[in-house]
Amino acid sequence: MFIVEETIVGTEAAQIPKQRGESLLETAVRYAEERHWDVFPGTWLEAVDGSQRCSCGNAACPAPGSHPARPDWATQATGSATVARRMWQKQPTASILLPTGRTFDAISVPETAGFLALARMERMELTLGPVTLTPDRRMEFFVLPGAGVKVPDLVRKLGWSVSSLDLTVLGEGAYVAAPPTRFGSRGAVQWACRPTPANRWLPDAEELISPLAYACGRDR
């Protein structure tokens, strides 16, 4: 059983990772070292005329401080804690980005649907992987790689068309922003269900798609 409110504010006892009191460098290293996730540094926030601007230089950046800083980001991603430490030492305030399609995919749904799905999953006693809550009001459920191929057919079997639901799969070629990355002035990414030793083994998309599709259908 999990309690969403507790995991978000960080009261759950867990080794991996802390959201507060740890630098971005330390957190990125922990993701690589303890979770074996690939990580890469993204853009960062800079103070310009009293406001926070994205290091990319675009004053109207839609994801300030939380997107790749270079086009070859996929080749830059590393699962080595040593290399991760070296990269963040060069830019300690860089966001922490995790490429999907490698050790995990992510199913992204609106925040309202995500909380509804979490409550339904608790009643079903499903085992969850990590789940992020982003400042742009999305929740991203980590699942085994390959979800992008499976999900459309799974959704159709449940009686929904994929286009009718605000549900997307982030797989190969995509990425998620990891806590405690900030989205400009909108706030920081948080864990709705944080990584722990108990959820090191991720669920398959098939295990979660029913409550997620149901919640997205209710949320339309």
C-alpha atoms as a PDB file:
ATOM      1  CA  MET A   1       0.000   0.000   0.000  1.00  0.00           C
ATOM      2  CA  PHE A   2       1.225   3.510  -0.716  1.00  0.00           C
ATOM      3  CA  ILE A   3      -0.025   6.916   0.355  1.00  0.00           C
ATOM      4  CA  VAL A   4       0.374   9.529  -2.344  1.00  0.00           C
ATOM      5  CA  GLU A   5       0.448  12.515  -0.001  1.00  0.00           C
ATOM      6  CA  GLU A   6       3.241  11.006   2.029  1.00  0.00           C
ATOM      7  CA  THR A   7       5.471  10.192  -0.911  1.00  0.00           C
ATOM      8  CA  ILE A   8       5.117  13.659  -2.399  1.00  0.00           C
ATOM      9  CA  VAL A   9       6.203  15.535   0.711  1.00  0.00           C
ATOM     10  CA  GLY A  10       9.006  13.075   1.271  1.00  0.00           C
ATOM     11  CA  THR A  11       8.024  11.427   4.549  1.00  0.00           C
ATOM     12  CA  GLU A  12       8.411   7.920   3.193  1.00  0.00           C
ATOM     13  CA  ALA A  13      11.627   6.334   4.440  1.00  0.00           C
ATOM     14  CA  ALA A  14      13.667   5.638   1.325  1.00  0.00           C
ATOM     15  CA  GLN A  15      17.280   5.613   0.321  1.00  0.00           C
ATOM     16  CA  ILE A  16      16.773   6.657  -3.287  1.00  0.00           C
ATOM     17  CA  PRO A  17      16.789   9.632  -3.658  1.00  0.00           C
ATOM     18  CA  LYS A  18      16.283  12.637  -1.378  1.00  0.00           C
ATOM     19  CA  GLN A  19      14.472  15.597  -2.880  1.00  0.00           C
ATOM     20  CA  ARG A  20      15.708  18.202  -0.465  1.00  0.00           C
ATOM     21  CA  GLY A  21      19.110  18.851   1.002  1.00  0.00           C
ATOM     22  CA  GLU A  22      20.939  17.236  -1.921  1.00  0.00           C
ATOM     23  CA  SER A  23      22.559  19.080  -4.799  1.00  0.00           C
ATOM     24  CA  LEU A  24      21.626  18.330  -8.395  1.00  0.00           C
ATOM     25  CA  LEU A  25      25.077  16.768  -8.779  1.00  0.00           C
ATOM     26  CA  GLU A  26      24.588  14.423  -5.821  1.00  0.00           C
ATOM     27  CA  THR A  27      21.113  13.467  -6.990  1.00  0.00           C
ATOM     28  CA  ALA A  28      22.211  12.765 -10.573  1.00  0.00           C
ATOM     29  CA  VAL A  29      25.038  10.577  -9.270  1.00  0.00           C
ATOM     30  CA  ARG A  30      22.607   8.665  -7.050  1.00  0.00           C
ATOM     31  CA  TYR A  31      20.263   7.994  -9.983  1.00  0.00           C
ATOM     32  CA  ALA A  32      23.148   6.494 -11.970  1.00  0.00           C
ATOM     33  CA  GLU A  33      24.839   4.707  -9.079  1.00  0.00           C
ATOM     34  CA  GLU A  34      21.871   3.335  -7.137  1.00  0.00           C
ATOM     35  CA  ARG A  35      19.135   3.055  -9.752  1.00  0.00           C
ATOM     36  CA  HIS A  36      21.330   2.370 -12.809  1.00  0.00           C
ATOM     37  CA  TRP A  37      19.467   4.987 -14.828  1.00  0.00           C
ATOM     38  CA  ASP A  38      21.167   6.871 -17.644  1.00  0.00           C
ATOM     39  CA  VAL A  39      21.303  10.600 -16.909  1.00  0.00           C
ATOM     40  CA  PHE A  40      22.336  13.693 -18.819  1.00  0.00           C
ATOM     41  CA  PRO A  41      22.504  17.390 -17.910  1.00  0.00           C
ATOM     42  CA  GLY A  42      20.001  19.682 -19.549  1.00  0.00           C
ATOM     43  CA  THR A  43      19.604  23.441 -19.551  1.00  0.00           C
ATOM     44  CA  TRP A  44      19.606  25.464 -16.348  1.00  0.00           C
ATOM     45  CA  LEU A  45      18.085  28.665 -14.987  1.00  0.00           C
ATOM     46  CA  GLU A  46      19.902  31.994 -15.005  1.00  0.00           C
ATOM     47  CA  ALA A  47      18.928  35.226 -13.265  1.00  0.00           C
ATOM     48  CA  VAL A  48      18.285  37.910 -15.900  1.00  0.00           C
ATOM     49  CA  ASP A  49      16.855  41.308 -14.912  1.00  0.00           C
ATOM     50  CA  GLY A  50      15.406  39.893 -11.733  1.00  0.00           C
ATOM     51  CA  SER A  51      13.726  36.880 -13.352  1.00  0.00           C
ATOM     52  CA  GLN A  52      14.722  33.301 -14.061  1.00  0.00           C
ATOM     53  CA  ARG A  53      15.534  32.638 -17.716  1.00  0.00           C
ATOM     54  CA  CYS A  54      16.502  29.437 -19.470  1.00  0.00           C
ATOM     55  CA  SER A  55      20.166  29.060 -20.352  1.00  0.00           C
ATOM     56  CA  CYS A  56      19.129  28.343 -23.961  1.00  0.00           C
ATOM     57  CA  GLY A  57      18.663  32.082 -24.420  1.00  0.00           C
ATOM     58  CA  ASN A  58      15.035  31.903 -25.580  1.00  0.00           C
ATOM     59  CA  ALA A  59      13.059  34.378 -23.471  1.00  0.00           C
ATOM     60  CA  ALA A  60       9.867  32.506 -24.386  1.00  0.00           C
ATOM     61  CA  CYS A  61      11.269  29.009 -23.746  1.00  0.00           C
ATOM     62  CA  PRO A  62       8.309  26.651 -23.096  1.00  0.00           C
ATOM     63  CA  ALA A  63      10.354  24.468 -20.707  1.00  0.00           C
ATOM     64  CA  PRO A  64      12.833  26.853 -19.046  1.00  0.00           C
ATOM     65  CA  GLY A  65      15.721  25.039 -17.401  1.00  0.00           C
ATOM     66  CA  SER A  66      14.354  21.574 -18.111  1.00  0.00           C
ATOM     67  CA  HIS A  67      15.185  20.503 -21.674  1.00  0.00           C
ATOM     68  CA  PRO A  68      18.288  19.184 -23.458  1.00  0.00           C
ATOM     69  CA  ALA A  69      21.087  21.693 -23.860  1.00  0.00           C
ATOM     70  CA  ARG A  70      22.501  20.144 -27.034  1.00  0.00           C
ATOM     71  CA  PRO A  71      21.122  18.193 -30.021  1.00  0.00           C
ATOM     72  CA  ASP A  72      23.292  15.125 -29.376  1.00  0.00           C
ATOM     73  CA  TRP A  73      21.894  14.643 -25.866  1.00  0.00           C
ATOM     74  CA  ALA A  74      21.114  10.972 -26.514  1.00  0.00           C
ATOM     75  CA  THR A  75      24.808  10.167 -26.969  1.00  0.00           C
ATOM     76  CA  GLN A  76      25.722  12.257 -23.935  1.00  0.00           C
ATOM     77  CA  ALA A  77      23.527  10.248 -21.541  1.00  0.00           C
ATOM     78  CA  THR A  78      25.491   8.012 -19.194  1.00  0.00           C
ATOM     79  CA  GLY A  79      24.875   5.346 -16.588  1.00  0.00           C
ATOM     80  CA  SER A  80      28.290   5.926 -15.043  1.00  0.00           C
ATOM     81  CA  ALA A  81      28.250   7.709 -11.692  1.00  0.00           C
ATOM     82  CA  THR A  82      31.817   8.890 -12.320  1.00  0.00           C
ATOM     83  CA  VAL A  83      30.947  10.442 -15.676  1.00  0.00           C
ATOM     84  CA  ALA A  84      27.749  11.950 -14.256  1.00  0.00           C
ATOM     85  CA  ARG A  85      29.724  13.584 -11.458  1.00  0.00           C
ATOM     86  CA  ARG A  86      32.156  15.032 -13.981  1.00  0.00           C
ATOM     87  CA  MET A  87      29.346  16.453 -16.154  1.00  0.00           C
ATOM     88  CA  TRP A  88      27.532  18.165 -13.278  1.00  0.00           C
ATOM     89  CA  GLN A  89      30.792  19.510 -11.868  1.00  0.00           C
ATOM     90  CA  LYS A  90      31.060  21.490 -15.115  1.00  0.00           C
ATOM     91  CA  GLN A  91      27.536  22.902 -14.667  1.00  0.00           C
ATOM     92  CA  PRO A  92      26.216  22.256 -11.115  1.00  0.00           C
ATOM     93  CA  THR A  93      22.814  23.855 -11.761  1.00  0.00           C
ATOM     94  CA  ALA A  94      21.978  21.846 -14.898  1.00  0.00           C
ATOM     95  CA  SER A  95      18.657  20.032 -14.865  1.00  0.00           C
ATOM     96  CA  ILE A  96      18.611  16.243 -14.498  1.00  0.00           C
ATOM     97  CA  LEU A  97      17.111  14.539 -17.541  1.00  0.00           C
ATOM     98  CA  LEU A  98      16.559  10.805 -17.991  1.00  0.00           C
ATOM     99  CA  PRO A  99      16.307   9.285 -21.482  1.00  0.00           C
ATOM    100  CA  THR A 100      13.360   6.948 -21.930  1.00  0.00           C
ATOM    101  CA  GLY A 101      13.397   3.802 -24.058  1.00  0.00           C
ATOM    102  CA  ARG A 102      16.446   2.408 -22.252  1.00  0.00           C
ATOM    103  CA  THR A 103      15.923   1.144 -18.712  1.00  0.00           C
ATOM    104  CA  PHE A 104      12.342   2.407 -18.643  1.00  0.00           C
ATOM    105  CA  ASP A 105       9.557   4.038 -20.636  1.00  0.00           C
ATOM    106  CA  ALA A 106       7.105   6.497 -19.099  1.00  0.00           C
ATOM    107  CA  ILE A 107       3.342   6.754 -19.528  1.00  0.00           C
ATOM    108  CA  SER A 108       2.339  10.413 -19.245  1.00  0.00           C
ATOM    109  CA  VAL A 109      -1.174  11.458 -18.187  1.00  0.00           C
ATOM    110  CA  PRO A 110      -2.777  14.641 -16.795  1.00  0.00           C
ATOM    111  CA  GLU A 111      -2.303  15.175 -13.074  1.00  0.00           C
ATOM    112  CA  THR A 112      -6.015  14.800 -12.292  1.00  0.00           C
ATOM    113  CA  ALA A 113      -6.184  11.470 -14.120  1.00  0.00           C
ATOM    114  CA  GLY A 114      -2.915  10.384 -12.508  1.00  0.00           C
ATOM    115  CA  PHE A 115      -4.192  10.844  -8.963  1.00  0.00           C
ATOM    116  CA  LEU A 116      -7.425   9.047  -9.833  1.00  0.00           C
ATOM    117  CA  ALA A 117      -5.403   6.177 -11.314  1.00  0.00           C
ATOM    118  CA  LEU A 118      -3.126   6.016  -8.247  1.00  0.00           C
ATOM    119  CA  ALA A 119      -6.130   5.613  -5.961  1.00  0.00           C
ATOM    120  CA  ARG A 120      -7.544   2.899  -8.217  1.00  0.00           C
ATOM    121  CA  MET A 121      -4.158   1.113  -8.360  1.00  0.00           C
ATOM    122  CA  GLU A 122      -3.959   1.141  -4.574  1.00  0.00           C
ATOM    123  CA  ARG A 123      -7.337  -0.571  -4.312  1.00  0.00           C
ATOM    124  CA  MET A 124      -6.180  -3.113  -6.923  1.00  0.00           C
ATOM    125  CA  GLU A 125      -2.962  -3.622  -4.914  1.00  0.00           C
ATOM    126  CA  LEU A 126      -0.817  -3.097  -8.011  1.00  0.00           C
ATOM    127  CA  THR A 127       2.942  -2.779  -7.662  1.00  0.00           C
ATOM    128  CA  LEU A 128       4.081   0.561  -9.029  1.00  0.00           C
ATOM    129  CA  GLY A 129       7.374   1.832 -10.281  1.00  0.00           C
ATOM    130  CA  PRO A 130       8.419   5.438  -9.686  1.00  0.00           C
ATOM    131  CA  VAL A 131       5.950   8.160 -10.691  1.00  0.00           C
ATOM    132  CA  THR A 132       6.826  11.815 -11.221  1.00  0.00           C
ATOM    133  CA  LEU A 133       4.606  14.860 -10.788  1.00  0.00           C
ATOM    134  CA  THR A 134       5.663  17.774 -12.997  1.00  0.00           C
ATOM    135  CA  PRO A 135       4.964  21.506 -12.639  1.00  0.00           C
ATOM    136  CA  ASP A 136       3.035  21.453 -15.925  1.00  0.00           C
ATOM    137  CA  ARG A 137       0.504  19.182 -14.206  1.00  0.00           C
ATOM    138  CA  ARG A 138       1.494  15.849 -15.733  1.00  0.00           C
ATOM    139  CA  MET A 139       2.217  12.541 -14.038  1.00  0.00           C
ATOM    140  CA  GLU A 140       4.678  10.094 -15.577  1.00  0.00           C
ATOM    141  CA  PHE A 141       4.481   6.419 -14.634  1.00  0.00           C
ATOM    142  CA  PHE A 142       7.732   4.493 -15.149  1.00  0.00           C
ATOM    143  CA  VAL A 143       7.245   1.098 -16.822  1.00  0.00           C
ATOM    144  CA  LEU A 144       9.376  -1.459 -18.616  1.00  0.00           C
ATOM    145  CA  PRO A 145      10.741  -0.444 -22.040  1.00  0.00           C
ATOM    146  CA  GLY A 146       8.623  -1.316 -25.064  1.00  0.00           C
ATOM    147  CA  ALA A 147       5.435   0.359 -23.824  1.00  0.00           C
ATOM    148  CA  GLY A 148       5.108   2.442 -26.972  1.00  0.00           C
ATOM    149  CA  VAL A 149       4.523  -0.662 -29.059  1.00  0.00           C
ATOM    150  CA  LYS A 150       2.060  -2.243 -26.629  1.00  0.00           C
ATOM    151  CA  VAL A 151      -0.062   0.644 -25.374  1.00  0.00           C
ATOM    152  CA  PRO A 152      -2.097   1.522 -28.516  1.00  0.00           C
ATOM    153  CA  ASP A 153      -3.358  -2.056 -28.871  1.00  0.00           C
ATOM    154  CA  LEU A 154      -3.971  -2.392 -25.122  1.00  0.00           C
ATOM    155  CA  VAL A 155      -6.017   0.823 -25.112  1.00  0.00           C
ATOM    156  CA  ARG A 156      -8.100  -0.356 -28.091  1.00  0.00           C
ATOM    157  CA  LYS A 157      -8.820  -3.668 -26.349  1.00  0.00           C
ATOM    158  CA  LEU A 158     -10.203  -1.672 -23.422  1.00  0.00           C
ATOM    159  CA  GLY A 159     -12.644   0.039 -25.785  1.00  0.00           C
ATOM    160  CA  TRP A 160     -10.892   3.368 -26.194  1.00  0.00           C
ATOM    161  CA  SER A 161      -9.232   4.990 -29.185  1.00  0.00           C
ATOM    162  CA  VAL A 162      -5.740   6.252 -28.438  1.00  0.00           C
ATOM    163  CA  SER A 163      -6.539   9.658 -29.937  1.00  0.00           C
ATOM    164  CA  SER A 164      -9.467  10.129 -27.538  1.00  0.00           C
ATOM    165  CA  LEU A 165      -7.307   9.914 -24.407  1.00  0.00           C
ATOM    166  CA  ASP A 166      -4.699  12.353 -23.131  1.00  0.00           C
ATOM    167  CA  LEU A 167      -2.265   9.484 -22.598  1.00  0.00           C
ATOM    168  CA  THR A 168       1.143   9.320 -24.240  1.00  0.00           C
ATOM    169  CA  VAL A 169       4.120   7.001 -24.004  1.00  0.00           C
ATOM    170  CA  LEU A 170       7.630   8.405 -23.754  1.00  0.00           C
ATOM    171  CA  GLY A 171       9.993   5.850 -25.242  1.00  0.00           C
ATOM    172  CA  GLU A 172      13.081   5.787 -27.411  1.00  0.00           C
ATOM    173  CA  GLY A 173      14.207   9.273 -28.413  1.00  0.00           C
ATOM    174  CA  ALA A 174      12.346  11.003 -25.577  1.00  0.00           C
ATOM    175  CA  TYR A 175      13.204  11.893 -21.988  1.00  0.00           C
ATOM    176  CA  VAL A 176      11.713  12.883 -18.645  1.00  0.00           C
ATOM    177  CA  ALA A 177      12.876  15.553 -16.203  1.00  0.00           C
ATOM    178  CA  ALA A 178      13.779  14.060 -12.839  1.00  0.00           C
ATOM    179  CA  PRO A 179      13.342  15.585  -9.379  1.00  0.00           C
ATOM    180  CA  PRO A 180      14.443  18.112  -8.239  1.00  0.00           C
ATOM    181  CA  THR A 181      14.642  19.743 -11.711  1.00  0.00           C
ATOM    182  CA  ARG A 182      12.808  23.077 -11.846  1.00  0.00           C
ATOM    183  CA  PHE A 183      10.531  24.312 -14.655  1.00  0.00           C
ATOM    184  CA  GLY A 184      11.362  28.020 -14.453  1.00  0.00           C
ATOM    185  CA  SER A 185       9.147  29.766 -11.906  1.00  0.00           C
ATOM    186  CA  ARG A 186       6.497  27.050 -12.102  1.00  0.00           C
ATOM    187  CA  GLY A 187       8.158  24.834  -9.504  1.00  0.00           C
ATOM    188  CA  ALA A 188      10.112  21.598  -9.328  1.00  0.00           C
ATOM    189  CA  VAL A 189       9.448  18.058 -10.462  1.00  0.00           C
ATOM    190  CA  GLN A 190       8.485  15.873  -7.482  1.00  0.00           C
ATOM    191  CA  TRP A 191       8.030  12.173  -6.828  1.00  0.00           C
ATOM    192  CA  ALA A 192       4.401  11.118  -6.514  1.00  0.00           C
ATOM    193  CA  CYS A 193       5.782   7.615  -5.919  1.00  0.00           C
ATOM    194  CA  ARG A 194       9.502   7.768  -5.228  1.00  0.00           C
ATOM    195  CA  PRO A 195      12.114   5.169  -6.189  1.00  0.00           C
ATOM    196  CA  THR A 196      12.712   2.647  -3.427  1.00  0.00           C
ATOM    197  CA  PRO A 197      14.374  -0.769  -3.232  1.00  0.00           C
ATOM    198  CA  ALA A 198      10.853  -2.246  -3.268  1.00  0.00           C
ATOM    199  CA  ASN A 199      10.010  -0.897  -6.731  1.00  0.00           C
ATOM    200  CA  ARG A 200      13.352  -1.460  -8.421  1.00  0.00           C
ATOM    201  CA  TRP A 201      11.627  -3.975 -10.724  1.00  0.00           C
ATOM    202  CA  LEU A 202       9.295  -1.992 -12.940  1.00  0.00           C
ATOM    203  CA  PRO A 203       5.783  -3.047 -13.945  1.00  0.00           C
ATOM    204  CA  ASP A 204       4.881  -3.804 -17.530  1.00  0.00           C
ATOM    205  CA  ALA A 205       2.607  -1.275 -19.242  1.00  0.00           C
ATOM    206  CA  GLU A 206      -0.063  -3.971 -19.474  1.00  0.00           C
ATOM    207  CA  GLU A 207      -0.343  -4.027 -15.668  1.00  0.00           C
ATOM    208  CA  LEU A 208      -1.142  -0.308 -15.381  1.00  0.00           C
ATOM    209  CA  ILE A 209      -2.929   0.564 -18.592  1.00  0.00           C
ATOM    210  CA  SER A 210      -6.462  -0.314 -17.437  1.00  0.00           C
ATOM    211  CA  PRO A 211      -6.607   2.114 -14.476  1.00  0.00           C
ATOM    212  CA  LEU A 212      -4.691   4.750 -16.452  1.00  0.00           C
ATOM    213  CA  ALA A 213      -7.014   4.565 -19.470  1.00  0.00           C
ATOM    214  CA  TYR A 214     -10.075   4.537 -17.219  1.00  0.00           C
ATOM    215  CA  ALA A 215      -8.833   7.629 -15.363  1.00  0.00           C
ATOM    216  CA  CYS A 216      -8.023   9.468 -18.588  1.00  0.00           C
ATOM    217  CA  GLY A 217     -11.467   8.614 -19.927  1.00  0.00           C
ATOM    218  CA  ARG A 218     -13.085  10.037 -16.800  1.00  0.00           C
ATOM    219  CA  ASP A 219     -10.873  13.130 -17.044  1.00  0.00           C
ATOM    220  CA  ARG A 220     -11.932  14.106 -20.581  1.00  0.00           C
END
